[in-house]
Amino acid sequence: MHFYSLLILELTSGILLALSVPNELLQYGSFILGMIALIPHFVALEKSKNLKQAVILCFIQSLTAHLLSSYWLTFSKEFALFTLGASALGTAVLHSFFAPLFRLPSYIKSFSNSDNSPVIEFLHSNTFKAIWLASVYTVWEFVKSSGYLAYPWGTIPMCAYSQKLITQIADITGVRGVTFLISYFASSMTFLLLDYLKYSEKEIFGRNKATFSSVLLLFTLSTVYGLFQYTIKRTPIKHINAILIQQNYDPWKQPDDDQTIYDSQRLTLKGVEELKNEGKKPDLVVWSEGVLHYPFPQGSDVHYRFYPELNPLLPFLAQINAPTIIGAPYCHNFEERKFSNAAIIFNSNGEYKDYYAKMHLVPFAEHIPFSENAVLRSVLQKIVGFVVGWVPGKEFKTFEIPLSDYPGESAVISTPLCFEDAFGNIFAGLKKNGTEVFVNMTDDSWSQKKSAEYQHFVIAWYRAIEFRTTLVRSTNSGCTIVEDPSGHVIYSLPLFVQDELSCSIPIYRNFLTFYAIFGEWFCFLLICFICLTAIYLFLYR
């Protein structure tokens, strides 16, 4: 096959992958497109003539998918150079490093099996090759979604939001189990199509029978398990009466936080009144990320006791008489300009109580490596006109919220911030510290696109399933939701509207799932499989 034809296949794969995740045309993406998106990618890699071609093909496929699915990063103002440009280039280069692994089935073709070794016979089979490609792709998505430069957007599980059954395996395997299921189907179809061009129908059936039997088995087991988990009756042991504020303001565009506070106060009072009409008292009020501009704890003692002028914040919080969480900077050291993106917790008297500092910062936007170096800061100032950076948090904090409907009892919550809801390891640390409800605070208003809001939500949606724990998202502009441990969205607000959500958040029996205990065991198992296979082939050669 001509190299230009292979490039077309990779462009097709990138386009299909971008359309399979939530986008402006398809609100929650398309599972069908996700199931076939990788087939052109795998076919192109199988037809590539050498490693150089495979490297280029991986680069093109990943770059295409990233630019088309995450184009809304261009709205991140001065950060666009890093958030879109650097992430696209970095993702494409990283994918290229996996090209040698993707090409291994082609390398095995040169192995003779004169001694009738069952191992070599299996390595020549379509079943092994399909498992291999699915394993490598799953590990690729794991690497892409891990570490400092992690970017879990544009990943295969994002197409499966509509598939409420097979996605339930996430409490065992994590989200990468869904990646493997879908990519295994795609790799199996790849070798079926390639065989169709070379063999008779009888030979095709024989060569692919075991492969598709295993695909059917995996999907059947996942569906049966999912049917049980999704339909099982889960009875809450208690509830939090909460008010979630979606003020629909972009803090980047506000000269100060006065109007944002005024509107949030108005919405909060509306929520208090709604709960009062139901005979309830608010246990918790949650505003969103980045609402306040002035840092705490200094802001607690000075600014917000008197501002905004028409209705100062701290006296207002005392008036509503409920613990409140608001996104604001936290100051570690003012002289050294060390601030964190934080969730600030106030008690029912409107007094600053504690904070949670965001641990996983957005690379090159919220944090630039070595930006404390004077030379680098000077260079950044000249090139992009700004020097920015939050200090990452270091502690998995949880907070106890007294419950008005359950005298003497409380609920343990944690407050992962913004895109921390994309990372299972962050949630695992919070869960192991006793979290009963995850309360995420997010600001995606700057994106200006529904697709950005839905993409973020779909990625976060898996966390409730992975840990069988209620997930709350209180956002600037969407998606503000409450999700139960099975993945049912039980409360929600429309995107880009100013509103509040008064709700009774269910809390279920607290326990650790298999995934919470063992983390990314499935990916590490695949890594061992890849390494052991590579070692065997090296020794066999």
Protein backbone atom coordinates (compact mmCIF):
# COMPACT_ATOMS: atom_id res chain seq x y z
CA MET A 1 0.00 0.00 0.00
CA HIS A 2 1.34 3.44 -0.96
CA PHE A 3 2.51 5.60 1.94
CA TYR A 4 0.08 8.39 1.01
CA SER A 5 -2.76 5.89 1.34
CA LEU A 6 -1.52 5.06 4.83
CA LEU A 7 -1.52 8.76 5.70
CA ILE A 8 -5.14 9.01 4.57
CA LEU A 9 -6.00 6.07 6.83
CA GLU A 10 -4.36 7.81 9.79
CA LEU A 11 -6.16 11.08 9.07
CA THR A 12 -9.41 9.11 8.89
CA SER A 13 -8.66 7.46 12.23
CA GLY A 14 -7.90 10.81 13.85
CA ILE A 15 -11.12 12.34 12.51
CA LEU A 16 -13.22 9.36 13.64
CA LEU A 17 -11.66 9.45 17.10
CA ALA A 18 -12.37 13.19 17.40
CA LEU A 19 -16.00 12.60 16.37
CA SER A 20 -16.39 9.67 18.76
CA VAL A 21 -15.77 11.82 21.86
CA PRO A 22 -18.21 14.61 22.82
CA ASN A 23 -18.11 17.34 20.18
CA GLU A 24 -20.17 20.21 18.79
CA LEU A 25 -22.04 17.84 16.44
CA LEU A 26 -22.58 14.90 18.79
CA GLN A 27 -23.21 15.99 22.37
CA TYR A 28 -21.92 12.81 24.03
CA GLY A 29 -19.92 11.52 21.09
CA SER A 30 -20.59 8.23 19.32
CA PHE A 31 -19.87 4.75 20.62
CA ILE A 32 -20.15 3.28 17.10
CA LEU A 33 -17.54 5.69 15.76
CA GLY A 34 -15.36 4.91 18.76
CA MET A 35 -15.57 1.19 18.04
CA ILE A 36 -14.23 1.66 14.49
CA ALA A 37 -11.98 4.71 14.99
CA LEU A 38 -8.83 2.67 15.60
CA ILE A 39 -9.29 0.26 12.69
CA PRO A 40 -7.72 2.58 10.07
CA HIS A 41 -4.89 3.31 12.52
CA PHE A 42 -4.13 -0.37 13.06
CA VAL A 43 -4.45 -1.21 9.35
CA ALA A 44 -2.01 1.56 8.44
CA LEU A 45 0.50 0.35 11.03
CA GLU A 46 0.20 -3.24 9.80
CA LYS A 47 0.77 -2.08 6.22
CA SER A 48 3.69 0.23 7.04
CA LYS A 49 6.94 -0.94 5.44
CA ASN A 50 9.37 0.14 8.12
CA LEU A 51 9.72 1.77 11.52
CA LYS A 52 10.17 5.25 10.06
CA GLN A 53 6.78 5.06 8.38
CA ALA A 54 5.16 3.75 11.58
CA VAL A 55 6.59 6.65 13.60
CA ILE A 56 5.17 9.19 11.14
CA LEU A 57 1.80 7.43 11.06
CA CYS A 58 1.48 7.43 14.86
CA PHE A 59 2.40 11.11 14.92
CA ILE A 60 -0.21 12.07 12.31
CA GLN A 61 -3.04 10.06 13.86
CA SER A 62 -2.51 11.47 17.34
CA LEU A 63 -1.96 15.04 16.14
CA THR A 64 -5.16 14.96 14.07
CA ALA A 65 -7.30 13.57 16.88
CA HIS A 66 -5.90 16.01 19.42
CA LEU A 67 -6.28 19.17 17.34
CA LEU A 68 -9.83 18.33 16.26
CA SER A 69 -11.12 17.18 19.65
CA SER A 70 -9.37 19.78 21.84
CA TYR A 71 -9.46 22.80 19.54
CA TRP A 72 -11.31 24.73 22.27
CA LEU A 73 -7.97 25.07 24.07
CA THR A 74 -7.32 28.00 21.72
CA PHE A 75 -9.71 30.01 23.91
CA SER A 76 -7.33 29.81 26.88
CA LYS A 77 -5.95 33.24 25.94
CA GLU A 78 -2.20 33.62 26.49
CA PHE A 79 -1.97 29.98 27.53
CA ALA A 80 -3.02 28.67 24.08
CA LEU A 81 0.59 28.37 22.93
CA PHE A 82 1.15 25.83 25.69
CA THR A 83 -2.26 24.26 26.26
CA LEU A 84 -3.01 23.45 22.62
CA GLY A 85 0.33 23.74 20.85
CA ALA A 86 2.56 22.03 23.39
CA SER A 87 -0.02 19.39 24.33
CA ALA A 88 -0.68 18.51 20.67
CA LEU A 89 3.00 18.23 19.84
CA GLY A 90 3.82 16.36 23.04
CA THR A 91 0.97 13.89 22.59
CA ALA A 92 1.92 13.19 18.97
CA VAL A 93 5.60 12.70 19.80
CA LEU A 94 4.76 10.40 22.71
CA HIS A 95 2.52 8.29 20.47
CA SER A 96 5.38 8.02 17.98
CA PHE A 97 7.54 6.37 20.64
CA PHE A 98 5.04 3.50 20.69
CA ALA A 99 5.53 2.80 16.97
CA PRO A 100 8.15 0.04 17.52
CA LEU A 101 5.72 -1.79 19.80
CA PHE A 102 2.82 -1.44 17.37
CA ARG A 103 5.00 -2.93 14.63
CA LEU A 104 6.01 -6.03 16.56
CA PRO A 105 3.48 -8.34 14.79
CA SER A 106 5.16 -7.43 11.50
CA TYR A 107 8.52 -8.32 13.02
CA ILE A 108 7.20 -11.74 14.10
CA LYS A 109 6.34 -12.60 10.49
CA SER A 110 10.03 -13.27 9.90
CA PHE A 111 10.09 -15.97 12.58
CA SER A 112 10.00 -19.49 11.21
CA ASN A 113 8.35 -22.29 13.17
CA SER A 114 10.27 -25.29 11.91
CA ASP A 115 10.21 -26.98 15.31
CA ASN A 116 6.41 -26.55 15.60
CA SER A 117 6.66 -24.51 18.79
CA PRO A 118 3.15 -23.81 20.16
CA VAL A 119 4.39 -20.46 21.46
CA ILE A 120 5.61 -19.31 18.05
CA GLU A 121 2.43 -20.68 16.49
CA PHE A 122 0.39 -18.54 18.89
CA LEU A 123 2.56 -15.50 18.17
CA HIS A 124 1.72 -15.93 14.47
CA SER A 125 -2.02 -16.09 15.19
CA ASN A 126 -4.48 -13.27 14.68
CA THR A 127 -5.57 -13.67 18.30
CA PHE A 128 -2.13 -12.79 19.63
CA LYS A 129 -1.71 -9.90 17.19
CA ALA A 130 -5.11 -8.47 18.14
CA ILE A 131 -4.37 -8.79 21.86
CA TRP A 132 -0.97 -7.22 21.28
CA LEU A 133 -2.27 -4.14 19.45
CA ALA A 134 -5.03 -3.64 22.04
CA SER A 135 -2.52 -4.00 24.88
CA VAL A 136 -0.08 -1.52 23.37
CA TYR A 137 -2.83 0.99 22.65
CA THR A 138 -4.20 0.63 26.20
CA VAL A 139 -0.75 1.20 27.68
CA TRP A 140 -0.30 4.18 25.35
CA GLU A 141 -3.49 5.78 26.70
CA PHE A 142 -2.37 4.99 30.26
CA VAL A 143 1.00 6.70 29.71
CA LYS A 144 -0.68 9.63 27.97
CA SER A 145 -3.02 10.04 30.96
CA SER A 146 -0.40 9.72 33.70
CA GLY A 147 2.25 11.88 35.29
CA TYR A 148 3.00 15.57 35.18
CA LEU A 149 2.20 15.98 31.46
CA ALA A 150 -0.96 13.85 31.61
CA TYR A 151 -3.73 14.73 29.16
CA PRO A 152 -6.59 12.18 29.35
CA TRP A 153 -8.70 13.99 26.74
CA GLY A 154 -9.29 12.40 23.34
CA THR A 155 -9.18 8.90 24.83
CA ILE A 156 -11.28 5.94 23.72
CA PRO A 157 -13.43 5.57 26.90
CA MET A 158 -14.87 9.03 26.23
CA CYS A 159 -16.98 7.52 23.43
CA ALA A 160 -18.66 5.05 25.81
CA TYR A 161 -20.74 7.35 28.03
CA SER A 162 -23.90 5.96 26.43
CA GLN A 163 -22.84 2.40 27.28
CA LYS A 164 -23.86 2.25 30.92
CA LEU A 165 -23.27 -1.52 31.20
CA ILE A 166 -19.81 -2.30 29.83
CA THR A 167 -18.38 0.78 31.55
CA GLN A 168 -19.22 -0.67 34.98
CA ILE A 169 -16.00 -2.72 34.86
CA ALA A 170 -14.18 0.50 35.77
CA ASP A 171 -14.53 -0.35 39.48
CA ILE A 172 -12.26 -3.33 38.78
CA THR A 173 -9.93 -2.31 35.96
CA GLY A 174 -10.21 1.44 36.03
CA VAL A 175 -11.11 3.29 32.86
CA ARG A 176 -8.34 1.54 30.92
CA GLY A 177 -10.36 -1.67 30.99
CA VAL A 178 -12.86 0.10 28.73
CA THR A 179 -9.98 1.18 26.48
CA PHE A 180 -8.88 -2.44 26.12
CA LEU A 181 -12.39 -3.70 25.32
CA ILE A 182 -12.93 -1.21 22.51
CA SER A 183 -9.41 -1.37 21.09
CA TYR A 184 -9.50 -5.19 21.17
CA PHE A 185 -12.62 -5.14 19.02
CA ALA A 186 -10.91 -2.72 16.62
CA SER A 187 -7.72 -4.79 16.41
CA SER A 188 -9.74 -7.97 15.81
CA MET A 189 -11.61 -6.26 12.98
CA THR A 190 -8.28 -5.08 11.58
CA PHE A 191 -6.96 -8.59 11.02
CA LEU A 192 -10.32 -9.80 9.75
CA LEU A 193 -10.25 -7.09 7.07
CA LEU A 194 -6.65 -7.83 6.16
CA ASP A 195 -7.46 -11.54 5.85
CA TYR A 196 -10.45 -10.75 3.66
CA LEU A 197 -8.06 -9.51 0.98
CA LYS A 198 -5.93 -12.67 1.05
CA TYR A 199 -7.89 -15.77 2.08
CA SER A 200 -11.04 -17.71 1.27
CA GLU A 201 -14.11 -17.48 3.50
CA LYS A 202 -13.33 -20.83 5.12
CA GLU A 203 -9.76 -19.81 5.88
CA ILE A 204 -10.90 -16.44 7.22
CA PHE A 205 -13.31 -18.15 9.61
CA GLY A 206 -10.60 -20.50 10.88
CA ARG A 207 -8.02 -17.76 11.34
CA ASN A 208 -10.38 -15.45 13.25
CA LYS A 209 -12.70 -17.81 15.12
CA ALA A 210 -10.72 -17.75 18.38
CA THR A 211 -10.21 -14.00 18.20
CA PHE A 212 -13.87 -13.08 17.85
CA SER A 213 -14.90 -15.74 20.35
CA SER A 214 -12.71 -14.02 22.93
CA VAL A 215 -14.06 -10.59 21.93
CA LEU A 216 -17.62 -11.86 22.35
CA LEU A 217 -16.73 -13.44 25.70
CA LEU A 218 -15.19 -10.24 27.07
CA PHE A 219 -18.12 -8.08 25.99
CA THR A 220 -20.61 -10.62 27.36
CA LEU A 221 -18.90 -10.83 30.75
CA SER A 222 -18.62 -7.04 30.92
CA THR A 223 -22.29 -6.62 30.02
CA VAL A 224 -23.47 -9.18 32.59
CA TYR A 225 -21.34 -7.58 35.30
CA GLY A 226 -22.52 -4.14 34.23
CA LEU A 227 -26.16 -5.20 34.27
CA PHE A 228 -25.76 -6.29 37.88
CA GLN A 229 -23.91 -3.15 39.00
CA TYR A 230 -26.07 -0.67 37.09
CA THR A 231 -29.42 -2.07 38.18
CA ILE A 232 -28.63 -3.14 41.73
CA LYS A 233 -30.61 -1.20 44.32
CA ARG A 234 -28.25 0.99 46.33
CA THR A 235 -29.84 2.45 49.46
CA PRO A 236 -28.41 5.71 50.82
CA ILE A 237 -27.47 5.66 54.49
CA LYS A 238 -27.74 9.45 54.80
CA HIS A 239 -28.04 12.64 52.71
CA ILE A 240 -26.45 16.07 52.45
CA ASN A 241 -28.83 18.95 51.80
CA ALA A 242 -26.72 21.01 49.42
CA ILE A 243 -26.87 24.09 47.22
CA LEU A 244 -24.61 24.11 44.15
CA ILE A 245 -24.04 27.51 42.53
CA GLN A 246 -23.48 27.85 38.79
CA GLN A 247 -22.98 31.61 38.39
CA ASN A 248 -21.92 31.43 34.71
CA TYR A 249 -19.10 33.96 34.98
CA ASP A 250 -15.65 33.67 33.44
CA PRO A 251 -13.30 34.89 36.22
CA TRP A 252 -10.62 35.59 33.60
CA LYS A 253 -12.81 38.35 32.17
CA GLN A 254 -13.82 39.96 35.47
CA PRO A 255 -11.80 42.99 36.71
CA ASP A 256 -12.85 42.05 40.25
CA ASP A 257 -15.03 39.45 41.93
CA ASP A 258 -17.80 41.77 43.18
CA GLN A 259 -20.49 40.93 40.62
CA THR A 260 -19.67 37.22 40.73
CA ILE A 261 -20.13 37.29 44.50
CA TYR A 262 -23.38 39.26 44.29
CA ASP A 263 -24.91 36.83 41.81
CA SER A 264 -23.65 33.82 43.79
CA GLN A 265 -25.21 35.28 46.93
CA ARG A 266 -28.53 35.81 45.16
CA LEU A 267 -28.53 32.24 43.85
CA THR A 268 -27.56 30.92 47.28
CA LEU A 269 -30.52 32.67 48.93
CA LYS A 270 -32.77 31.24 46.25
CA GLY A 271 -31.48 27.76 47.07
CA VAL A 272 -31.94 28.31 50.81
CA GLU A 273 -35.55 29.31 50.16
CA GLU A 274 -36.16 26.22 48.01
CA LEU A 275 -34.83 23.92 50.74
CA LYS A 276 -36.85 25.80 53.35
CA ASN A 277 -40.02 25.18 51.35
CA GLU A 278 -39.19 21.47 51.53
CA GLY A 279 -38.72 21.69 55.29
CA LYS A 280 -34.94 21.35 55.02
CA LYS A 281 -31.91 23.32 56.12
CA PRO A 282 -28.77 23.54 53.96
CA ASP A 283 -25.88 21.43 55.20
CA LEU A 284 -23.46 22.62 52.54
CA VAL A 285 -23.18 25.42 49.96
CA VAL A 286 -20.71 25.01 47.10
CA TRP A 287 -19.67 27.79 44.76
CA SER A 288 -17.19 26.96 42.01
CA GLU A 289 -13.50 27.15 41.23
CA GLY A 290 -11.76 30.53 41.08
CA VAL A 291 -14.71 32.64 42.24
CA LEU A 292 -12.72 34.78 44.70
CA HIS A 293 -9.72 36.85 43.62
CA TYR A 294 -8.14 37.66 46.98
CA PRO A 295 -6.02 35.03 48.75
CA PHE A 296 -6.76 33.29 52.01
CA PRO A 297 -6.23 33.24 54.91
CA GLN A 298 -5.37 36.96 54.55
CA GLY A 299 -8.61 37.63 52.69
CA SER A 300 -10.56 36.12 55.55
CA ASP A 301 -9.23 38.64 58.06
CA VAL A 302 -9.33 41.75 55.91
CA HIS A 303 -10.90 42.08 52.50
CA TYR A 304 -14.02 39.90 52.56
CA ARG A 305 -15.13 41.12 55.96
CA PHE A 306 -15.96 44.43 54.31
CA TYR A 307 -16.25 43.62 50.60
CA PRO A 308 -18.02 43.63 48.29
CA GLU A 309 -19.50 46.81 49.68
CA LEU A 310 -23.20 46.13 49.06
CA ASN A 311 -23.11 42.73 50.76
CA PRO A 312 -19.76 41.72 52.31
CA LEU A 313 -18.97 38.04 51.83
CA LEU A 314 -18.14 36.79 55.32
CA PRO A 315 -21.16 38.33 57.08
CA PHE A 316 -23.32 36.87 54.31
CA LEU A 317 -21.89 33.38 54.89
CA ALA A 318 -22.65 33.71 58.59
CA GLN A 319 -26.20 34.71 57.69
CA ILE A 320 -26.94 31.55 55.68
CA ASN A 321 -25.59 29.49 58.59
CA ALA A 322 -24.16 26.58 56.59
CA PRO A 323 -20.63 25.38 55.79
CA THR A 324 -19.58 26.85 52.45
CA ILE A 325 -16.86 25.94 49.96
CA ILE A 326 -15.59 28.55 47.50
CA GLY A 327 -12.73 28.47 45.00
CA ALA A 328 -9.99 31.01 45.76
CA PRO A 329 -6.20 31.38 45.96
CA TYR A 330 -4.49 30.14 49.10
CA CYS A 331 -1.34 31.99 50.17
CA HIS A 332 1.53 29.87 51.51
CA ASN A 333 4.13 32.65 51.53
CA PHE A 334 3.26 36.15 50.33
CA GLU A 335 6.86 37.42 50.14
CA GLU A 336 7.88 34.50 47.90
CA ARG A 337 4.62 34.75 45.90
CA LYS A 338 3.67 31.15 46.68
CA PHE A 339 -0.05 30.65 46.05
CA SER A 340 -2.19 27.58 45.39
CA ASN A 341 -5.40 27.12 43.44
CA ALA A 342 -7.60 26.09 46.34
CA ALA A 343 -11.00 25.23 47.71
CA ILE A 344 -11.60 27.39 50.80
CA ILE A 345 -13.83 25.93 53.51
CA PHE A 346 -15.87 28.22 55.78
CA ASN A 347 -17.79 27.05 58.83
CA SER A 348 -21.44 27.91 59.48
CA ASN A 349 -20.37 31.14 61.22
CA GLY A 350 -18.74 32.40 58.04
CA GLU A 351 -15.23 31.89 59.44
CA TYR A 352 -12.32 30.54 57.42
CA LYS A 353 -11.75 26.96 58.56
CA ASP A 354 -9.42 25.10 56.18
CA TYR A 355 -8.38 24.67 52.57
CA TYR A 356 -7.57 22.05 49.96
CA ALA A 357 -4.83 22.94 47.48
CA LYS A 358 -5.02 21.50 43.97
CA MET A 359 -2.36 18.80 43.65
CA HIS A 360 -2.35 18.01 39.92
CA LEU A 361 -1.87 21.32 38.14
CA VAL A 362 -2.40 21.92 34.43
CA PRO A 363 1.12 21.74 32.94
CA PHE A 364 2.37 24.93 31.27
CA ALA A 365 -0.79 26.81 32.26
CA GLU A 366 -1.14 26.53 36.05
CA HIS A 367 2.45 25.45 36.53
CA ILE A 368 5.59 25.83 34.41
CA PRO A 369 8.52 23.58 35.36
CA PHE A 370 11.50 25.47 36.82
CA SER A 371 9.62 28.78 36.55
CA GLU A 372 11.18 29.77 39.86
CA ASN A 373 14.49 30.09 37.96
CA ALA A 374 15.17 33.79 37.28
CA VAL A 375 16.62 33.18 33.81
CA LEU A 376 13.65 31.06 32.69
CA ARG A 377 11.20 33.58 34.12
CA SER A 378 12.88 36.31 32.11
CA VAL A 379 12.71 34.24 28.91
CA LEU A 380 9.03 33.41 29.46
CA GLN A 381 8.24 37.05 30.08
CA LYS A 382 9.85 38.03 26.77
CA ILE A 383 8.36 35.19 24.69
CA VAL A 384 4.78 34.95 25.93
CA GLY A 385 4.46 38.07 28.07
CA PHE A 386 3.68 36.39 31.38
CA VAL A 387 5.16 34.30 34.15
CA VAL A 388 2.59 32.20 35.96
CA GLY A 389 2.49 29.34 38.38
CA TRP A 390 0.56 27.88 41.28
CA VAL A 391 2.19 25.86 44.03
CA PRO A 392 0.85 22.28 43.95
CA GLY A 393 -0.83 20.93 47.04
CA LYS A 394 0.68 17.99 48.89
CA GLU A 395 -2.11 16.61 51.07
CA PHE A 396 -5.19 14.46 50.41
CA LYS A 397 -7.52 16.44 52.67
CA THR A 398 -11.06 15.55 53.68
CA PHE A 399 -13.63 17.60 55.59
CA GLU A 400 -16.49 16.68 57.91
CA ILE A 401 -19.85 18.31 57.24
CA PRO A 402 -22.51 18.11 60.02
CA LEU A 403 -25.87 16.83 58.78
CA SER A 404 -29.00 18.64 59.94
CA ASP A 405 -31.30 15.68 59.23
CA TYR A 406 -29.07 13.29 61.20
CA PRO A 407 -28.28 14.84 64.61
CA GLY A 408 -24.77 14.02 65.76
CA GLU A 409 -23.76 12.62 62.38
CA SER A 410 -21.59 14.09 59.66
CA ALA A 411 -20.47 13.37 56.10
CA VAL A 412 -16.86 13.19 54.97
CA ILE A 413 -16.27 15.05 51.72
CA SER A 414 -13.24 15.91 49.61
CA THR A 415 -12.85 18.69 47.05
CA PRO A 416 -10.74 17.74 44.00
CA LEU A 417 -10.36 20.81 41.80
CA CYS A 418 -11.08 21.16 38.09
CA PHE A 419 -9.27 18.61 35.93
CA GLU A 420 -8.21 16.60 38.97
CA ASP A 421 -11.50 14.78 38.37
CA ALA A 422 -9.81 13.15 35.37
CA PHE A 423 -7.31 11.25 37.51
CA GLY A 424 -8.10 8.06 39.39
CA ASN A 425 -4.94 8.28 41.50
CA ILE A 426 -6.02 11.62 42.98
CA PHE A 427 -9.45 10.22 43.82
CA ALA A 428 -7.91 7.04 45.24
CA GLY A 429 -5.85 9.08 47.71
CA LEU A 430 -8.92 11.04 48.77
CA LYS A 431 -11.07 7.91 48.99
CA LYS A 432 -8.56 6.10 51.20
CA ASN A 433 -8.74 9.05 53.58
CA GLY A 434 -12.43 8.34 54.16
CA THR A 435 -14.24 10.32 51.47
CA GLU A 436 -17.97 9.59 51.31
CA VAL A 437 -18.77 12.19 48.65
CA PHE A 438 -16.47 13.71 46.03
CA VAL A 439 -17.26 17.42 45.56
CA ASN A 440 -15.47 18.67 42.46
CA MET A 441 -15.26 22.40 41.71
CA THR A 442 -14.56 23.35 38.11
CA ASP A 443 -14.22 26.40 35.88
CA ASP A 444 -14.44 25.63 32.15
CA SER A 445 -16.28 28.84 31.28
CA TRP A 446 -13.25 30.17 29.38
CA SER A 447 -13.63 27.37 26.79
CA GLN A 448 -16.84 28.93 25.41
CA LYS A 449 -17.79 25.55 23.87
CA LYS A 450 -20.32 22.93 24.90
CA SER A 451 -18.00 20.20 23.66
CA ALA A 452 -15.36 21.22 26.22
CA GLU A 453 -17.91 21.03 29.03
CA TYR A 454 -19.26 17.64 27.97
CA GLN A 455 -15.79 16.19 27.38
CA HIS A 456 -14.73 17.17 30.89
CA PHE A 457 -17.92 15.76 32.37
CA VAL A 458 -17.63 12.42 30.54
CA ILE A 459 -14.05 11.98 31.73
CA ALA A 460 -15.07 12.78 35.32
CA TRP A 461 -18.17 10.57 35.08
CA TYR A 462 -16.04 7.42 35.42
CA ARG A 463 -14.78 8.41 38.90
CA ALA A 464 -18.12 7.67 40.59
CA ILE A 465 -18.10 4.19 39.04
CA GLU A 466 -14.45 3.47 39.78
CA PHE A 467 -14.92 4.21 43.49
CA ARG A 468 -18.69 3.51 43.85
CA THR A 469 -18.96 6.90 45.50
CA THR A 470 -21.31 9.81 44.83
CA LEU A 471 -19.73 12.49 42.62
CA VAL A 472 -20.81 16.13 42.78
CA ARG A 473 -19.60 18.70 40.24
CA SER A 474 -20.22 22.37 41.07
CA THR A 475 -19.07 24.42 38.10
CA ASN A 476 -18.95 27.96 36.74
CA SER A 477 -20.83 27.08 33.56
CA GLY A 478 -21.28 23.28 33.39
CA CYS A 479 -21.65 20.44 33.78
CA THR A 480 -23.07 20.89 37.29
CA ILE A 481 -24.37 17.46 38.30
CA VAL A 482 -24.85 14.89 41.04
CA GLU A 483 -24.02 11.31 40.03
CA ASP A 484 -24.64 8.16 42.03
CA PRO A 485 -22.16 5.24 42.34
CA SER A 486 -23.71 3.40 39.37
CA GLY A 487 -23.28 6.29 36.96
CA HIS A 488 -26.85 7.62 37.07
CA VAL A 489 -26.96 11.42 36.86
CA ILE A 490 -29.68 12.21 39.39
CA TYR A 491 -29.47 16.03 39.33
CA SER A 492 -28.10 18.43 36.71
CA LEU A 493 -28.18 21.99 35.39
CA PRO A 494 -28.09 23.13 31.74
CA LEU A 495 -24.81 24.52 30.37
CA PHE A 496 -23.96 28.21 30.32
CA VAL A 497 -26.93 29.37 32.38
CA GLN A 498 -26.93 31.18 35.71
CA ASP A 499 -28.73 28.96 38.20
CA GLU A 500 -28.50 27.00 41.42
CA LEU A 501 -29.12 23.35 42.19
CA SER A 502 -30.78 22.61 45.52
CA CYS A 503 -30.59 18.90 46.11
CA SER A 504 -30.38 16.07 48.58
CA ILE A 505 -27.08 14.33 47.85
CA PRO A 506 -27.22 10.60 48.65
CA ILE A 507 -24.41 9.00 50.63
CA TYR A 508 -23.91 5.25 50.39
CA ARG A 509 -22.04 2.63 52.37
CA ASN A 510 -18.38 3.53 52.34
CA PHE A 511 -16.00 0.84 51.09
CA LEU A 512 -12.96 0.47 48.85
CA THR A 513 -13.46 -1.01 45.39
CA PHE A 514 -10.96 -3.37 43.79
CA TYR A 515 -9.68 -0.46 41.71
CA ALA A 516 -9.38 1.80 44.76
CA ILE A 517 -7.19 -0.79 46.48
CA PHE A 518 -5.04 -1.98 43.59
CA GLY A 519 -5.07 1.06 41.31
CA GLU A 520 -3.80 0.59 37.76
CA TRP A 521 -3.10 -3.13 38.19
CA PHE A 522 -4.63 -3.89 34.79
CA CYS A 523 -2.25 -1.56 32.96
CA PHE A 524 0.72 -2.91 34.87
CA LEU A 525 -0.36 -6.44 33.90
CA LEU A 526 -0.40 -5.38 30.25
CA ILE A 527 3.02 -3.77 30.64
CA CYS A 528 4.37 -7.05 32.05
CA PHE A 529 2.82 -8.94 29.12
CA ILE A 530 4.47 -6.57 26.64
CA CYS A 531 7.86 -6.72 28.36
CA LEU A 532 7.89 -10.51 28.77
CA THR A 533 6.87 -10.99 25.13
CA ALA A 534 9.61 -8.64 23.97
CA ILE A 535 12.19 -10.46 26.10
CA TYR A 536 11.07 -13.85 24.79
CA LEU A 537 11.33 -12.69 21.18
CA PHE A 538 14.77 -11.22 21.79
CA LEU A 539 16.00 -14.49 23.33
CA TYR A 540 14.32 -16.60 20.63
CA ARG A 541 16.00 -14.58 17.92
